[in-house]
Amino acid sequence: SLTIKRRFNAPPAKVFSAWTDPEKIKRWMGPGEIKTVRAEADLRVGGRYYIGMLTPAGEAHDVSGVYREVVPNEKLVYSWAWKSTPERESLVTVTFKDDGGGTLLTITHEQFFDEAARDSHQGGWNGALVKLEKYLA
């Protein structure tokens, strides 16, 4: 599993919205030059989400899953499975904690298929969070 903590200079409601509103997700999800071209979110327990990303070379990367827990502005828990490897479903927990006018965001991503998958996701999340920070600024 991996855990990433990051502080943002934005209130939890704003960070939560960036994480759950499809139009906002498209602005930051994906590391580096990867662009999110389609995002859907049925934000309720049992609801599905979908994120479609493209690399600069035009390679598609689609991830989707089901929300297992939704606490507005505080916590999200959802499954995570790439279209290319649906049998490798993992679990993402994101918490949004008020931190003196900002937000302490914690991502815990667990149940990876192997260490290579974990390491790849660590790079992906860190790259996406750099873009999220710029988006929230």
Protein backbone atom coordinates (compact mmCIF):
# COMPACT_ATOMS: atom_id res chain seq x y z
CA SER A 1 0.00 0.00 0.00
CA LEU A 2 1.02 3.63 -0.22
CA THR A 3 0.10 6.76 1.70
CA ILE A 4 0.58 10.30 0.43
CA LYS A 5 -0.10 13.42 2.50
CA ARG A 6 -0.29 16.90 1.04
CA ARG A 7 -1.45 20.26 2.39
CA PHE A 8 -3.42 22.61 0.15
CA ASN A 9 -4.16 26.30 0.74
CA ALA A 10 -7.87 25.78 0.12
CA PRO A 11 -10.71 24.72 2.44
CA PRO A 12 -11.79 21.06 2.50
CA ALA A 13 -15.03 21.81 0.61
CA LYS A 14 -13.05 23.24 -2.33
CA VAL A 15 -10.57 20.33 -2.41
CA PHE A 16 -13.40 17.78 -2.09
CA SER A 17 -15.23 19.45 -4.96
CA ALA A 18 -12.10 19.33 -7.14
CA TRP A 19 -11.90 15.60 -6.38
CA THR A 20 -15.56 14.80 -7.10
CA ASP A 21 -16.89 17.26 -9.73
CA PRO A 22 -16.27 15.77 -13.22
CA GLU A 23 -15.53 19.16 -14.81
CA LYS A 24 -12.98 19.92 -12.09
CA ILE A 25 -11.45 16.41 -12.22
CA LYS A 26 -10.65 17.01 -15.89
CA ARG A 27 -8.52 20.02 -14.94
CA TRP A 28 -5.95 18.13 -12.84
CA MET A 29 -6.25 14.33 -12.78
CA GLY A 30 -3.28 12.50 -14.27
CA PRO A 31 0.43 13.15 -13.88
CA GLY A 32 2.57 15.35 -16.12
CA GLU A 33 1.34 15.80 -19.67
CA ILE A 34 -1.47 13.26 -19.31
CA LYS A 35 -4.86 14.89 -19.90
CA THR A 36 -8.21 13.77 -18.53
CA VAL A 37 -10.63 13.95 -21.45
CA ARG A 38 -13.68 12.43 -19.81
CA ALA A 39 -14.83 12.19 -16.20
CA GLU A 40 -18.05 10.96 -14.64
CA ALA A 41 -18.99 10.71 -10.97
CA ASP A 42 -22.20 9.36 -9.43
CA LEU A 43 -21.24 10.56 -5.96
CA ARG A 44 -23.11 8.19 -3.64
CA VAL A 45 -22.39 4.86 -1.99
CA GLY A 46 -22.73 2.29 -4.78
CA GLY A 47 -22.37 4.99 -7.44
CA ARG A 48 -19.74 4.61 -10.15
CA TYR A 49 -17.05 6.96 -11.39
CA TYR A 50 -15.04 6.90 -14.60
CA ILE A 51 -11.90 8.81 -15.62
CA GLY A 52 -10.57 8.65 -19.19
CA MET A 53 -7.05 9.95 -19.74
CA LEU A 54 -4.83 10.38 -22.82
CA THR A 55 -1.05 10.53 -23.04
CA PRO A 56 0.56 13.06 -25.40
CA ALA A 57 1.08 10.11 -27.81
CA GLY A 58 -2.68 9.43 -27.80
CA GLU A 59 -2.56 6.33 -25.58
CA ALA A 60 -5.81 5.88 -23.61
CA HIS A 61 -5.83 5.06 -19.90
CA ASP A 62 -9.27 4.46 -18.39
CA VAL A 63 -9.89 3.92 -14.69
CA SER A 64 -13.20 3.38 -12.94
CA GLY A 65 -14.73 2.04 -9.78
CA VAL A 66 -17.49 2.21 -7.22
CA TYR A 67 -17.84 4.59 -4.26
CA ARG A 68 -17.93 2.61 -1.01
CA GLU A 69 -18.05 5.54 1.40
CA VAL A 70 -18.90 9.20 0.80
CA VAL A 71 -18.69 11.77 3.61
CA PRO A 72 -18.96 15.21 1.96
CA ASN A 73 -15.86 17.38 2.47
CA GLU A 74 -14.29 14.73 4.74
CA LYS A 75 -13.77 11.29 3.21
CA LEU A 76 -14.07 9.17 0.06
CA VAL A 77 -13.48 5.43 -0.26
CA TYR A 78 -13.68 3.83 -3.70
CA SER A 79 -12.49 0.89 -5.74
CA TRP A 80 -9.94 1.56 -8.48
CA ALA A 81 -9.52 -0.61 -11.58
CA TRP A 82 -7.82 0.13 -14.90
CA LYS A 83 -9.72 -0.94 -18.01
CA SER A 84 -6.58 -2.79 -19.16
CA THR A 85 -6.38 -4.88 -15.94
CA PRO A 86 -9.87 -5.03 -14.37
CA GLU A 87 -8.94 -8.07 -12.30
CA ARG A 88 -6.38 -5.95 -10.40
CA GLU A 89 -8.88 -3.88 -8.43
CA SER A 90 -7.38 -1.84 -5.61
CA LEU A 91 -8.85 0.46 -2.96
CA VAL A 92 -8.42 4.24 -2.55
CA THR A 93 -9.25 6.19 0.63
CA VAL A 94 -8.98 9.98 0.53
CA THR A 95 -9.47 12.15 3.61
CA PHE A 96 -9.89 15.93 3.63
CA LYS A 97 -9.02 17.44 7.02
CA ASP A 98 -9.41 21.11 7.92
CA ASP A 99 -5.96 22.51 8.66
CA GLY A 100 -6.20 26.15 9.70
CA GLY A 101 -7.92 27.44 6.59
CA GLY A 102 -6.26 24.85 4.39
CA THR A 103 -6.73 21.14 3.86
CA LEU A 104 -4.55 18.22 4.86
CA LEU A 105 -5.25 15.63 2.16
CA THR A 106 -4.31 12.01 2.77
CA ILE A 107 -4.50 9.37 0.06
CA THR A 108 -4.18 5.73 1.06
CA HIS A 109 -4.11 3.39 -1.93
CA GLU A 110 -3.98 -0.30 -1.04
CA GLN A 111 -4.47 -3.88 -2.26
CA PHE A 112 -2.09 -3.49 -5.19
CA PHE A 113 -1.35 -6.45 -7.43
CA ASP A 114 2.41 -6.06 -6.90
CA GLU A 115 5.16 -3.61 -5.93
CA ALA A 116 5.54 -2.35 -9.51
CA ALA A 117 1.86 -1.35 -9.58
CA ARG A 118 2.25 0.40 -6.22
CA ASP A 119 5.34 2.30 -7.37
CA SER A 120 3.67 3.34 -10.63
CA HIS A 121 0.63 4.67 -8.75
CA GLN A 122 2.82 6.54 -6.28
CA GLY A 123 4.36 8.46 -9.18
CA GLY A 124 0.95 8.99 -10.77
CA TRP A 125 -0.67 10.35 -7.63
CA ASN A 126 2.25 12.64 -6.83
CA GLY A 127 2.22 14.02 -10.37
CA ALA A 128 -1.55 14.58 -10.27
CA LEU A 129 -1.30 16.34 -6.90
CA VAL A 130 1.18 18.84 -8.35
CA LYS A 131 -1.49 19.70 -10.96
CA LEU A 132 -4.22 19.80 -8.29
CA GLU A 133 -2.18 22.29 -6.27
CA LYS A 134 -1.86 24.56 -9.34
CA TYR A 135 -5.57 24.20 -10.08
CA LEU A 136 -6.56 25.17 -6.52
CA ALA A 137 -4.16 28.16 -6.40
